[in-house]
Amino acid sequence: MNWGKGIVLGLLAFVIFITAMGVKMFAQPDDVDHEYYEKGLAFDADYNREKRVVTEKLQPNIRFTDKAMCVKFVKPLQCKITLMRPSDRRMDKIINMASDGVNEINIPIEKLATGPWQLSFEWADHHKKYLYNQEVMVP
């Protein structure tokens, strides 16, 4: 083989490699939230709701038992709980629940995959809205 064929084959191999990497790059799912603009507009309101939880010391206490995730609140309330799985959007769940007599909500974990989950609690009390986010590891 002479040097001309070597250059052509080398260039051809390079073009095939770059094309394959380009195809692979565009085949990967994007990690961008498709509602980022709407969420950006509501960022200040969400920040104020999160800050209100901290200033009024209303952070829920989260613990796990064998069969449930127990969320204890400071006072009785009805809230919307969003469970988000970072690795798979299809596993996300939204639950509307009210705390029981001891200000606790029990969420069964048998249908939740083990690993990291992002929890978001939204509730209102006396015309004030609250938001609390926390990441937990489901055993």
Protein backbone atom coordinates (compact mmCIF):
# COMPACT_ATOMS: atom_id res chain seq x y z
CA MET A 1 0.00 0.00 0.00
CA ASN A 2 1.38 3.41 -0.87
CA TRP A 3 1.18 6.59 1.23
CA GLY A 4 -1.74 8.04 -0.81
CA LYS A 5 -4.02 5.14 0.06
CA GLY A 6 -2.95 5.42 3.72
CA ILE A 7 -3.94 9.10 3.86
CA VAL A 8 -7.30 8.40 2.20
CA LEU A 9 -8.03 5.47 4.53
CA GLY A 10 -6.95 7.52 7.57
CA LEU A 11 -9.17 10.43 6.53
CA LEU A 12 -12.07 8.06 5.82
CA ALA A 13 -11.67 6.41 9.25
CA PHE A 14 -11.64 9.87 10.88
CA VAL A 15 -14.82 10.94 9.04
CA ILE A 16 -16.59 7.70 10.03
CA PHE A 17 -15.51 8.17 13.65
CA ILE A 18 -16.73 11.80 13.79
CA THR A 19 -20.03 10.83 12.11
CA ALA A 20 -20.58 7.98 14.58
CA MET A 21 -19.89 10.30 17.55
CA GLY A 22 -22.29 12.89 16.13
CA VAL A 23 -25.06 10.30 15.72
CA LYS A 24 -24.44 8.97 19.24
CA MET A 25 -24.48 12.49 20.70
CA PHE A 26 -27.83 13.37 19.13
CA ALA A 27 -29.35 10.00 20.11
CA GLN A 28 -28.83 10.70 23.84
CA PRO A 29 -31.88 12.10 25.66
CA ASP A 30 -31.49 15.70 26.71
CA ASP A 31 -31.47 16.53 30.40
CA VAL A 32 -33.04 19.93 29.92
CA ASP A 33 -36.38 20.59 31.57
CA HIS A 34 -38.74 21.47 28.73
CA GLU A 35 -40.71 23.80 31.01
CA TYR A 36 -37.67 25.81 32.10
CA TYR A 37 -39.11 29.15 30.97
CA GLU A 38 -42.33 28.78 32.95
CA LYS A 39 -40.39 27.57 35.99
CA GLY A 40 -38.02 30.52 35.65
CA LEU A 41 -40.91 32.96 35.80
CA ALA A 42 -42.20 31.34 39.00
CA PHE A 43 -38.76 31.09 40.64
CA ASP A 44 -39.24 34.06 42.99
CA ALA A 45 -42.57 32.76 44.24
CA ASP A 46 -41.10 29.30 44.86
CA TYR A 47 -38.08 30.80 46.62
CA ASN A 48 -40.35 32.81 48.93
CA ARG A 49 -42.44 29.72 49.73
CA GLU A 50 -39.29 27.72 50.56
CA LYS A 51 -37.91 30.56 52.69
CA ARG A 52 -41.21 30.81 54.59
CA VAL A 53 -40.90 27.13 55.60
CA VAL A 54 -37.46 27.79 57.08
CA THR A 55 -38.28 31.07 58.82
CA GLU A 56 -41.43 29.63 60.41
CA LYS A 57 -39.60 26.37 61.30
CA LEU A 58 -42.12 24.13 59.53
CA GLN A 59 -39.69 21.65 57.93
CA PRO A 60 -41.15 18.13 57.98
CA ASN A 61 -39.18 15.28 59.53
CA ILE A 62 -38.76 12.31 57.17
CA ARG A 63 -37.90 8.80 58.34
CA PHE A 64 -38.27 5.32 56.92
CA THR A 65 -39.80 2.20 58.40
CA ASP A 66 -39.84 -1.25 56.80
CA LYS A 67 -42.94 -0.52 54.72
CA ALA A 68 -43.42 3.24 54.62
CA MET A 69 -41.87 6.65 54.49
CA CYS A 70 -43.17 8.61 57.48
CA VAL A 71 -43.37 12.37 57.12
CA LYS A 72 -44.07 14.22 60.37
CA PHE A 73 -45.27 17.82 60.16
CA VAL A 74 -45.31 20.48 62.87
CA LYS A 75 -49.07 20.94 62.57
CA PRO A 76 -51.94 19.19 60.77
CA LEU A 77 -52.27 19.96 57.11
CA GLN A 78 -53.28 18.73 53.70
CA CYS A 79 -50.52 18.75 51.12
CA LYS A 80 -49.52 17.74 47.63
CA ILE A 81 -46.47 15.47 47.61
CA THR A 82 -44.47 15.09 44.42
CA LEU A 83 -42.04 12.16 44.28
CA MET A 84 -39.56 12.62 41.43
CA ARG A 85 -37.10 9.95 40.34
CA PRO A 86 -34.06 11.73 38.84
CA SER A 87 -33.14 8.80 36.60
CA ASP A 88 -36.61 8.07 35.16
CA ARG A 89 -39.35 10.65 34.69
CA ARG A 90 -41.94 7.90 34.10
CA MET A 91 -41.65 6.82 37.76
CA ASP A 92 -42.69 10.25 39.10
CA LYS A 93 -45.77 10.29 41.34
CA ILE A 94 -48.06 13.01 42.69
CA ILE A 95 -49.96 12.26 45.89
CA ASN A 96 -52.52 14.44 47.68
CA MET A 97 -52.69 13.50 51.36
CA ALA A 98 -53.75 14.87 54.71
CA SER A 99 -51.86 14.31 57.92
CA ASP A 100 -53.41 12.06 60.54
CA GLY A 101 -54.08 12.81 64.23
CA VAL A 102 -50.37 12.94 65.06
CA ASN A 103 -49.54 15.22 62.09
CA GLU A 104 -47.95 12.38 60.17
CA ILE A 105 -48.29 11.09 56.62
CA ASN A 106 -47.27 7.52 55.78
CA ILE A 107 -46.34 6.83 52.17
CA PRO A 108 -45.99 3.13 51.26
CA ILE A 109 -42.59 2.42 49.71
CA GLU A 110 -43.17 -1.07 48.29
CA LYS A 111 -43.93 0.42 44.84
CA LEU A 112 -41.01 2.87 44.94
CA ALA A 113 -37.69 1.86 43.43
CA THR A 114 -34.73 1.92 45.77
CA GLY A 115 -32.30 4.78 45.37
CA PRO A 116 -32.52 8.57 45.24
CA TRP A 117 -35.86 10.40 45.08
CA GLN A 118 -36.58 14.11 45.15
CA LEU A 119 -39.55 14.99 47.36
CA SER A 120 -41.53 18.18 47.03
CA PHE A 121 -44.21 19.12 49.58
CA GLU A 122 -46.67 21.91 48.79
CA TRP A 123 -49.30 23.14 51.22
CA ALA A 124 -51.20 26.23 52.30
CA ASP A 125 -52.09 27.41 55.79
CA HIS A 126 -53.93 30.62 56.68
CA HIS A 127 -53.63 31.94 53.11
CA LYS A 128 -49.84 31.38 53.12
CA LYS A 129 -48.31 28.96 50.66
CA TYR A 130 -45.37 26.73 51.54
CA LEU A 131 -42.92 24.61 49.55
CA TYR A 132 -40.35 22.17 50.92
CA ASN A 133 -37.93 20.13 48.78
CA GLN A 134 -35.67 17.34 49.96
CA GLU A 135 -33.77 14.48 48.38
CA VAL A 136 -34.01 11.08 50.12
CA MET A 137 -32.62 7.61 49.55
CA VAL A 138 -35.33 4.94 49.55
CA PRO A 139 -33.89 1.75 51.09
